Amino acid sequence: MNKLFISILLFFSYCAILLSQSNDYSFIHKQIKVSSKEKKYQINISYPQISVFQGNPRITSFYGFNTFVENQMKAERDSFIVWMNDWEINEHTKEFTSEYELGDSVYYADNKLISIQFYGYSYFAGAAHPNNWSFSINYDLENSKEIFLKDLLTAGWENKISEICIAEINKQKSEKDIEPSEWLKDGAGPKEDNFKVFNPIKEGLLITFPTYQVGAYVEGPSEVFIKYSEIKEIIKPKGLIGDIFKIK
């Protein structure tokens, strides 16, 4: 496994332990491992599953979460296999092995909400450099479904979240002497798709912009942490954030 990828996972796993909440279940991690000598690739996927105990009154919702996550991980596996079937192996690439790795951190977990961020790393044999990305799964245990920011925030939320994120990322870039680019206006502009990677945690909302979304490859991913107090006016009182963290 790529050493940088391991370091990132260890760091975020540590943070996730600090941010997660108590619940009446525990997590185990399952693995998907696939390799091909002919196509020269390796797949290593790790993902969380709720350890289900018979007789638990929430067993149906637990199984719903497990099935949802497992199906998505299998889809990730299948997509990479399709890419590898189309990837040309020639005299320039035959000495290399393509890789696909996926790990996670559980950022928040209670009896109503599970919030996870997944971190991906891939290398296509012969490519100039590897790729990395992230995505989140936020799951409503009570209603057995994935949720999105539009389920937690009031109509027009994109404008407020975009305003905060652009200001914060500009500040981060300034501190690193990086010039702002048009990528920032486009990648953090007031569009729902720009904020697909998010994690509600105890004190606020963590928004993640994967590599390339708001900056060059060398900048990597960017994160913005927004305290609930900053966006109190756009939080749905009866949504999961308002309900769990008692925001009024």
C-alpha atoms as a PDB file:
ATOM      1  CA  MET A   1       0.000   0.000   0.000  1.00  0.00           C
ATOM      2  CA  ASN A   2       1.224   3.524  -0.773  1.00  0.00           C
ATOM      3  CA  LYS A   3       2.970   4.966   2.327  1.00  0.00           C
ATOM      4  CA  LEU A   4       1.416   8.422   1.928  1.00  0.00           C
ATOM      5  CA  PHE A   5      -2.007   6.830   1.660  1.00  0.00           C
ATOM      6  CA  ILE A   6      -1.397   4.899   4.896  1.00  0.00           C
ATOM      7  CA  SER A   7      -0.308   8.082   6.683  1.00  0.00           C
ATOM      8  CA  ILE A   8      -3.426   9.915   5.557  1.00  0.00           C
ATOM      9  CA  LEU A   9      -5.662   7.076   6.735  1.00  0.00           C
ATOM     10  CA  LEU A  10      -3.969   6.888  10.140  1.00  0.00           C
ATOM     11  CA  PHE A  11      -4.298  10.642  10.651  1.00  0.00           C
ATOM     12  CA  PHE A  12      -7.970  10.801   9.720  1.00  0.00           C
ATOM     13  CA  SER A  13      -8.754   7.621  11.644  1.00  0.00           C
ATOM     14  CA  TYR A  14      -7.287   9.264  14.758  1.00  0.00           C
ATOM     15  CA  CYS A  15      -9.379  12.389  14.152  1.00  0.00           C
ATOM     16  CA  ALA A  16     -12.458  10.272  13.585  1.00  0.00           C
ATOM     17  CA  ILE A  17     -12.017   8.556  16.942  1.00  0.00           C
ATOM     18  CA  LEU A  18     -12.067  11.971  18.594  1.00  0.00           C
ATOM     19  CA  LEU A  19     -15.135  13.089  16.666  1.00  0.00           C
ATOM     20  CA  SER A  20     -17.352  10.013  16.816  1.00  0.00           C
ATOM     21  CA  GLN A  21     -20.083   9.550  19.397  1.00  0.00           C
ATOM     22  CA  SER A  22     -21.322   6.741  21.592  1.00  0.00           C
ATOM     23  CA  ASN A  23     -23.863   4.306  20.221  1.00  0.00           C
ATOM     24  CA  ASP A  24     -25.252   0.856  20.940  1.00  0.00           C
ATOM     25  CA  TYR A  25     -23.303  -0.910  18.187  1.00  0.00           C
ATOM     26  CA  SER A  26     -19.730  -1.334  17.029  1.00  0.00           C
ATOM     27  CA  PHE A  27     -17.948  -1.465  13.678  1.00  0.00           C
ATOM     28  CA  ILE A  28     -15.871  -4.135  12.042  1.00  0.00           C
ATOM     29  CA  HIS A  29     -14.015  -3.708   8.760  1.00  0.00           C
ATOM     30  CA  LYS A  30     -14.338  -6.002   5.779  1.00  0.00           C
ATOM     31  CA  GLN A  31     -11.897  -6.301   2.903  1.00  0.00           C
ATOM     32  CA  ILE A  32     -12.195  -6.689  -0.844  1.00  0.00           C
ATOM     33  CA  LYS A  33      -8.967  -7.901  -2.416  1.00  0.00           C
ATOM     34  CA  VAL A  34      -8.623  -8.656  -6.113  1.00  0.00           C
ATOM     35  CA  SER A  35      -5.547  -9.101  -8.282  1.00  0.00           C
ATOM     36  CA  SER A  36      -4.810 -10.073 -11.856  1.00  0.00           C
ATOM     37  CA  LYS A  37      -1.470 -11.331 -13.155  1.00  0.00           C
ATOM     38  CA  GLU A  38      -2.644 -11.007 -16.742  1.00  0.00           C
ATOM     39  CA  LYS A  39      -3.801  -7.379 -16.464  1.00  0.00           C
ATOM     40  CA  LYS A  40      -1.271  -6.573 -13.710  1.00  0.00           C
ATOM     41  CA  TYR A  41      -3.413  -4.847 -11.115  1.00  0.00           C
ATOM     42  CA  GLN A  42      -4.194  -5.041  -7.413  1.00  0.00           C
ATOM     43  CA  ILE A  43      -7.326  -3.893  -5.600  1.00  0.00           C
ATOM     44  CA  ASN A  44      -7.474  -3.383  -1.827  1.00  0.00           C
ATOM     45  CA  ILE A  45     -10.704  -2.006  -0.386  1.00  0.00           C
ATOM     46  CA  SER A  46     -11.506  -1.688   3.309  1.00  0.00           C
ATOM     47  CA  TYR A  47     -14.962  -0.626   4.477  1.00  0.00           C
ATOM     48  CA  PRO A  48     -16.967  -0.480   7.732  1.00  0.00           C
ATOM     49  CA  GLN A  49     -19.845  -2.731   8.650  1.00  0.00           C
ATOM     50  CA  ILE A  50     -21.970  -2.659  11.767  1.00  0.00           C
ATOM     51  CA  SER A  51     -21.415  -5.694  13.947  1.00  0.00           C
ATOM     52  CA  VAL A  52     -24.988  -6.896  14.265  1.00  0.00           C
ATOM     53  CA  PHE A  53     -26.205  -8.813  17.293  1.00  0.00           C
ATOM     54  CA  GLN A  54     -29.329 -10.923  17.029  1.00  0.00           C
ATOM     55  CA  GLY A  55     -32.176  -9.531  19.103  1.00  0.00           C
ATOM     56  CA  ASN A  56     -31.112  -5.896  18.751  1.00  0.00           C
ATOM     57  CA  PRO A  57     -34.293  -3.901  17.963  1.00  0.00           C
ATOM     58  CA  ARG A  58     -32.370  -1.862  15.359  1.00  0.00           C
ATOM     59  CA  ILE A  59     -31.187  -4.906  13.434  1.00  0.00           C
ATOM     60  CA  THR A  60     -33.156  -4.034  10.265  1.00  0.00           C
ATOM     61  CA  SER A  61     -31.639  -0.569   9.964  1.00  0.00           C
ATOM     62  CA  PHE A  62     -28.178  -1.984  10.707  1.00  0.00           C
ATOM     63  CA  TYR A  63     -28.498  -4.477   7.883  1.00  0.00           C
ATOM     64  CA  GLY A  64     -29.752  -1.687   5.618  1.00  0.00           C
ATOM     65  CA  PHE A  65     -26.578   0.314   6.275  1.00  0.00           C
ATOM     66  CA  ASN A  66     -24.346  -2.729   5.777  1.00  0.00           C
ATOM     67  CA  THR A  67     -25.951  -3.619   2.476  1.00  0.00           C
ATOM     68  CA  PHE A  68     -25.815  -0.035   1.198  1.00  0.00           C
ATOM     69  CA  VAL A  69     -22.104   0.366   1.951  1.00  0.00           C
ATOM     70  CA  GLU A  70     -21.142  -3.105   0.718  1.00  0.00           C
ATOM     71  CA  ASN A  71     -22.939  -2.580  -2.600  1.00  0.00           C
ATOM     72  CA  GLN A  72     -21.117   0.721  -3.133  1.00  0.00           C
ATOM     73  CA  MET A  73     -17.747  -0.881  -2.400  1.00  0.00           C
ATOM     74  CA  LYS A  74     -18.465  -3.669  -4.882  1.00  0.00           C
ATOM     75  CA  ALA A  75     -19.367  -1.015  -7.464  1.00  0.00           C
ATOM     76  CA  GLU A  76     -16.000   0.680  -6.823  1.00  0.00           C
ATOM     77  CA  ARG A  77     -14.255  -2.646  -7.379  1.00  0.00           C
ATOM     78  CA  ASP A  78     -16.173  -3.394 -10.564  1.00  0.00           C
ATOM     79  CA  SER A  79     -15.473   0.068 -12.031  1.00  0.00           C
ATOM     80  CA  PHE A  80     -11.728  -0.359 -11.627  1.00  0.00           C
ATOM     81  CA  ILE A  81     -11.825  -3.831 -13.189  1.00  0.00           C
ATOM     82  CA  VAL A  82     -13.621  -2.357 -16.212  1.00  0.00           C
ATOM     83  CA  TRP A  83     -10.934   0.352 -16.481  1.00  0.00           C
ATOM     84  CA  MET A  84      -8.223  -2.309 -16.315  1.00  0.00           C
ATOM     85  CA  ASN A  85      -9.876  -4.362 -19.036  1.00  0.00           C
ATOM     86  CA  ASP A  86      -9.507  -1.334 -21.304  1.00  0.00           C
ATOM     87  CA  TRP A  87      -6.024  -0.330 -20.067  1.00  0.00           C
ATOM     88  CA  GLU A  88      -3.323  -1.067 -22.611  1.00  0.00           C
ATOM     89  CA  ILE A  89      -0.297  -3.029 -21.446  1.00  0.00           C
ATOM     90  CA  ASN A  90       2.718  -2.367 -23.674  1.00  0.00           C
ATOM     91  CA  GLU A  91       6.508  -2.262 -23.463  1.00  0.00           C
ATOM     92  CA  HIS A  92       6.309   0.998 -21.480  1.00  0.00           C
ATOM     93  CA  THR A  93       3.801  -0.208 -18.892  1.00  0.00           C
ATOM     94  CA  LYS A  94       4.498  -3.938 -18.532  1.00  0.00           C
ATOM     95  CA  GLU A  95       7.026  -3.397 -15.724  1.00  0.00           C
ATOM     96  CA  PHE A  96       4.455  -1.610 -13.555  1.00  0.00           C
ATOM     97  CA  THR A  97       1.428  -2.775 -11.584  1.00  0.00           C
ATOM     98  CA  SER A  98      -1.787  -0.763 -11.458  1.00  0.00           C
ATOM     99  CA  GLU A  99      -3.238  -0.199  -7.991  1.00  0.00           C
ATOM    100  CA  TYR A 100      -6.567   0.749  -6.468  1.00  0.00           C
ATOM    101  CA  GLU A 101      -6.895   1.315  -2.717  1.00  0.00           C
ATOM    102  CA  LEU A 102      -9.818   2.557  -0.660  1.00  0.00           C
ATOM    103  CA  GLY A 103     -10.054   3.140   3.074  1.00  0.00           C
ATOM    104  CA  ASP A 104     -12.282   5.101   5.433  1.00  0.00           C
ATOM    105  CA  SER A 105     -12.784   7.019   8.657  1.00  0.00           C
ATOM    106  CA  VAL A 106     -16.042   7.001  10.602  1.00  0.00           C
ATOM    107  CA  TYR A 107     -16.404  10.670  11.550  1.00  0.00           C
ATOM    108  CA  TYR A 108     -19.654  10.400  13.475  1.00  0.00           C
ATOM    109  CA  ALA A 109     -21.865   7.545  14.612  1.00  0.00           C
ATOM    110  CA  ASP A 110     -24.884   7.426  16.881  1.00  0.00           C
ATOM    111  CA  ASN A 111     -28.267   5.738  16.761  1.00  0.00           C
ATOM    112  CA  LYS A 112     -29.580   8.182  14.143  1.00  0.00           C
ATOM    113  CA  LEU A 113     -26.658   9.102  11.898  1.00  0.00           C
ATOM    114  CA  ILE A 114     -23.483   7.520  10.554  1.00  0.00           C
ATOM    115  CA  SER A 115     -21.057   9.812   8.725  1.00  0.00           C
ATOM    116  CA  ILE A 116     -18.068   8.311   6.902  1.00  0.00           C
ATOM    117  CA  GLN A 117     -15.382   9.660   4.619  1.00  0.00           C
ATOM    118  CA  PHE A 118     -13.629   7.359   2.160  1.00  0.00           C
ATOM    119  CA  TYR A 119     -10.122   8.012   0.803  1.00  0.00           C
ATOM    120  CA  GLY A 120      -9.095   6.583  -2.534  1.00  0.00           C
ATOM    121  CA  TYR A 121      -5.710   6.077  -4.166  1.00  0.00           C
ATOM    122  CA  SER A 122      -5.127   4.698  -7.648  1.00  0.00           C
ATOM    123  CA  TYR A 123      -2.255   4.285 -10.028  1.00  0.00           C
ATOM    124  CA  PHE A 124      -2.599   3.306 -13.662  1.00  0.00           C
ATOM    125  CA  ALA A 125       0.579   1.567 -14.837  1.00  0.00           C
ATOM    126  CA  GLY A 126       2.648   3.955 -16.930  1.00  0.00           C
ATOM    127  CA  ALA A 127       0.785   7.104 -15.828  1.00  0.00           C
ATOM    128  CA  ALA A 128       2.762  10.207 -14.845  1.00  0.00           C
ATOM    129  CA  HIS A 129       1.528  10.142 -11.245  1.00  0.00           C
ATOM    130  CA  PRO A 130      -1.056   8.433  -8.999  1.00  0.00           C
ATOM    131  CA  ASN A 131      -4.492   9.886  -8.283  1.00  0.00           C
ATOM    132  CA  ASN A 132      -6.306  10.431  -5.007  1.00  0.00           C
ATOM    133  CA  TRP A 133      -9.866  11.376  -4.192  1.00  0.00           C
ATOM    134  CA  SER A 134     -12.467  11.206  -1.457  1.00  0.00           C
ATOM    135  CA  PHE A 135     -16.199  10.773  -1.068  1.00  0.00           C
ATOM    136  CA  SER A 136     -18.578  10.569   1.854  1.00  0.00           C
ATOM    137  CA  ILE A 137     -21.507   8.443   2.901  1.00  0.00           C
ATOM    138  CA  ASN A 138     -23.943   9.988   5.377  1.00  0.00           C
ATOM    139  CA  TYR A 139     -26.597   7.504   6.390  1.00  0.00           C
ATOM    140  CA  ASP A 140     -29.889   8.076   8.199  1.00  0.00           C
ATOM    141  CA  LEU A 141     -30.304   4.950  10.335  1.00  0.00           C
ATOM    142  CA  GLU A 142     -33.879   5.672  11.354  1.00  0.00           C
ATOM    143  CA  ASN A 143     -35.098   5.954   7.762  1.00  0.00           C
ATOM    144  CA  SER A 144     -32.540   3.606   6.163  1.00  0.00           C
ATOM    145  CA  LYS A 145     -31.324   5.998   3.471  1.00  0.00           C
ATOM    146  CA  GLU A 146     -28.377   8.118   2.395  1.00  0.00           C
ATOM    147  CA  ILE A 147     -28.730  11.827   3.099  1.00  0.00           C
ATOM    148  CA  PHE A 148     -27.317  14.933   1.442  1.00  0.00           C
ATOM    149  CA  LEU A 149     -26.836  18.565   2.457  1.00  0.00           C
ATOM    150  CA  LYS A 150     -30.195  19.499   0.959  1.00  0.00           C
ATOM    151  CA  ASP A 151     -31.780  17.179   3.546  1.00  0.00           C
ATOM    152  CA  LEU A 152     -30.067  19.034   6.401  1.00  0.00           C
ATOM    153  CA  LEU A 153     -30.124  22.666   5.274  1.00  0.00           C
ATOM    154  CA  THR A 154     -32.840  25.024   4.058  1.00  0.00           C
ATOM    155  CA  ALA A 155     -33.421  26.041   0.422  1.00  0.00           C
ATOM    156  CA  GLY A 156     -30.687  28.253  -0.998  1.00  0.00           C
ATOM    157  CA  TRP A 157     -28.052  26.842   1.375  1.00  0.00           C
ATOM    158  CA  GLU A 158     -25.536  26.650  -1.476  1.00  0.00           C
ATOM    159  CA  ASN A 159     -24.963  30.421  -1.403  1.00  0.00           C
ATOM    160  CA  LYS A 160     -24.003  30.576   2.290  1.00  0.00           C
ATOM    161  CA  ILE A 161     -21.836  27.452   2.214  1.00  0.00           C
ATOM    162  CA  SER A 162     -20.073  28.635  -0.949  1.00  0.00           C
ATOM    163  CA  GLU A 163     -19.383  32.065   0.549  1.00  0.00           C
ATOM    164  CA  ILE A 164     -17.790  30.560   3.667  1.00  0.00           C
ATOM    165  CA  CYS A 165     -15.775  27.963   1.752  1.00  0.00           C
ATOM    166  CA  ILE A 166     -14.355  30.378  -0.819  1.00  0.00           C
ATOM    167  CA  ALA A 167     -13.286  32.822   1.917  1.00  0.00           C
ATOM    168  CA  GLU A 168     -11.639  30.080   3.966  1.00  0.00           C
ATOM    169  CA  ILE A 169      -9.821  28.439   1.042  1.00  0.00           C
ATOM    170  CA  ASN A 170      -8.580  31.835  -0.137  1.00  0.00           C
ATOM    171  CA  LYS A 171      -7.194  32.337   3.371  1.00  0.00           C
ATOM    172  CA  GLN A 172      -5.530  28.905   3.307  1.00  0.00           C
ATOM    173  CA  LYS A 173      -3.967  29.605  -0.083  1.00  0.00           C
ATOM    174  CA  SER A 174      -2.734  33.019   1.035  1.00  0.00           C
ATOM    175  CA  GLU A 175      -1.008  31.475   4.048  1.00  0.00           C
ATOM    176  CA  LYS A 176       0.815  29.102   1.689  1.00  0.00           C
ATOM    177  CA  ASP A 177       1.619  31.863  -0.847  1.00  0.00           C
ATOM    178  CA  ILE A 178      -0.564  30.163  -3.473  1.00  0.00           C
ATOM    179  CA  GLU A 179      -2.335  32.384  -5.963  1.00  0.00           C
ATOM    180  CA  PRO A 180      -6.138  31.913  -6.158  1.00  0.00           C
ATOM    181  CA  SER A 181      -7.347  30.421  -9.420  1.00  0.00           C
ATOM    182  CA  GLU A 182     -10.546  30.166 -11.427  1.00  0.00           C
ATOM    183  CA  TRP A 183     -10.771  26.583 -10.146  1.00  0.00           C
ATOM    184  CA  LEU A 184     -11.806  27.955  -6.761  1.00  0.00           C
ATOM    185  CA  LYS A 185     -14.740  29.986  -8.076  1.00  0.00           C
ATOM    186  CA  ASP A 186     -15.930  27.054 -10.120  1.00  0.00           C
ATOM    187  CA  GLY A 187     -15.132  24.232  -7.682  1.00  0.00           C
ATOM    188  CA  ALA A 188     -16.554  25.984  -4.598  1.00  0.00           C
ATOM    189  CA  GLY A 189     -19.233  28.026  -6.309  1.00  0.00           C
ATOM    190  CA  PRO A 190     -22.893  27.830  -5.188  1.00  0.00           C
ATOM    191  CA  LYS A 191     -23.720  24.489  -6.825  1.00  0.00           C
ATOM    192  CA  GLU A 192     -24.946  21.431  -4.942  1.00  0.00           C
ATOM    193  CA  ASP A 193     -22.491  19.090  -6.678  1.00  0.00           C
ATOM    194  CA  ASN A 194     -19.542  21.067  -5.297  1.00  0.00           C
ATOM    195  CA  PHE A 195     -20.391  19.996  -1.754  1.00  0.00           C
ATOM    196  CA  LYS A 196     -20.960  16.273  -2.175  1.00  0.00           C
ATOM    197  CA  VAL A 197     -18.147  15.373   0.231  1.00  0.00           C
ATOM    198  CA  PHE A 198     -19.267  16.441   3.708  1.00  0.00           C
ATOM    199  CA  ASN A 199     -19.371  15.100   7.242  1.00  0.00           C
ATOM    200  CA  PRO A 200     -21.568  16.398  10.076  1.00  0.00           C
ATOM    201  CA  ILE A 201     -19.654  16.087  13.343  1.00  0.00           C
ATOM    202  CA  LYS A 202     -20.305  17.249  16.896  1.00  0.00           C
ATOM    203  CA  GLU A 203     -19.242  20.899  16.598  1.00  0.00           C
ATOM    204  CA  GLY A 204     -19.813  21.611  12.924  1.00  0.00           C
ATOM    205  CA  LEU A 205     -19.815  20.623   9.294  1.00  0.00           C
ATOM    206  CA  LEU A 206     -16.658  19.392   7.573  1.00  0.00           C
ATOM    207  CA  ILE A 207     -16.608  20.092   3.822  1.00  0.00           C
ATOM    208  CA  THR A 208     -13.930  18.370   1.740  1.00  0.00           C
ATOM    209  CA  PHE A 209     -12.879  19.377  -1.765  1.00  0.00           C
ATOM    210  CA  PRO A 210     -11.044  16.488  -3.452  1.00  0.00           C
ATOM    211  CA  THR A 211      -7.799  17.014  -5.350  1.00  0.00           C
ATOM    212  CA  TYR A 212      -8.257  19.109  -8.527  1.00  0.00           C
ATOM    213  CA  GLN A 213     -11.605  20.591  -7.419  1.00  0.00           C
ATOM    214  CA  VAL A 214     -10.312  23.902  -6.066  1.00  0.00           C
ATOM    215  CA  GLY A 215      -6.606  23.731  -6.862  1.00  0.00           C
ATOM    216  CA  ALA A 216      -3.774  22.018  -8.699  1.00  0.00           C
ATOM    217  CA  TYR A 217      -2.761  18.397  -8.132  1.00  0.00           C
ATOM    218  CA  VAL A 218       0.217  19.389  -5.972  1.00  0.00           C
ATOM    219  CA  GLU A 219      -2.125  21.187  -3.533  1.00  0.00           C
ATOM    220  CA  GLY A 220      -4.039  17.998  -2.787  1.00  0.00           C
ATOM    221  CA  PRO A 221      -7.506  18.071  -1.189  1.00  0.00           C
ATOM    222  CA  SER A 222      -8.812  21.083   0.744  1.00  0.00           C
ATOM    223  CA  GLU A 223     -10.989  21.081   3.860  1.00  0.00           C
ATOM    224  CA  VAL A 224     -13.239  23.698   5.401  1.00  0.00           C
ATOM    225  CA  PHE A 225     -14.701  23.296   8.878  1.00  0.00           C
ATOM    226  CA  ILE A 226     -17.871  25.303   9.466  1.00  0.00           C
ATOM    227  CA  LYS A 227     -19.184  25.708  13.003  1.00  0.00           C
ATOM    228  CA  TYR A 228     -22.926  25.202  13.320  1.00  0.00           C
ATOM    229  CA  SER A 229     -23.139  28.624  14.935  1.00  0.00           C
ATOM    230  CA  GLU A 230     -22.007  30.160  11.608  1.00  0.00           C
ATOM    231  CA  ILE A 231     -24.868  28.599   9.659  1.00  0.00           C
ATOM    232  CA  LYS A 232     -27.552  28.380  12.333  1.00  0.00           C
ATOM    233  CA  GLU A 233     -30.040  30.264  10.165  1.00  0.00           C
ATOM    234  CA  ILE A 234     -29.926  27.680   7.350  1.00  0.00           C
ATOM    235  CA  ILE A 235     -30.070  24.487   9.445  1.00  0.00           C
ATOM    236  CA  LYS A 236     -33.397  22.665   9.287  1.00  0.00           C
ATOM    237  CA  PRO A 237     -34.653  22.480  12.901  1.00  0.00           C
ATOM    238  CA  LYS A 238     -36.278  19.104  12.202  1.00  0.00           C
ATOM    239  CA  GLY A 239     -33.422  17.803  10.054  1.00  0.00           C
ATOM    240  CA  LEU A 240     -30.829  15.413  11.467  1.00  0.00           C
ATOM    241  CA  ILE A 241     -28.310  18.134  12.354  1.00  0.00           C
ATOM    242  CA  GLY A 242     -30.921  20.216  14.154  1.00  0.00           C
ATOM    243  CA  ASP A 243     -32.329  17.141  15.884  1.00  0.00           C
ATOM    244  CA  ILE A 244     -29.079  15.463  16.956  1.00  0.00           C
ATOM    245  CA  PHE A 245     -27.169  18.561  18.014  1.00  0.00           C
ATOM    246  CA  LYS A 246     -30.227  20.424  19.353  1.00  0.00           C
ATOM    247  CA  ILE A 247     -29.706  23.519  17.200  1.00  0.00           C
ATOM    248  CA  LYS A 248     -32.586  25.990  17.462  1.00  0.00           C
END
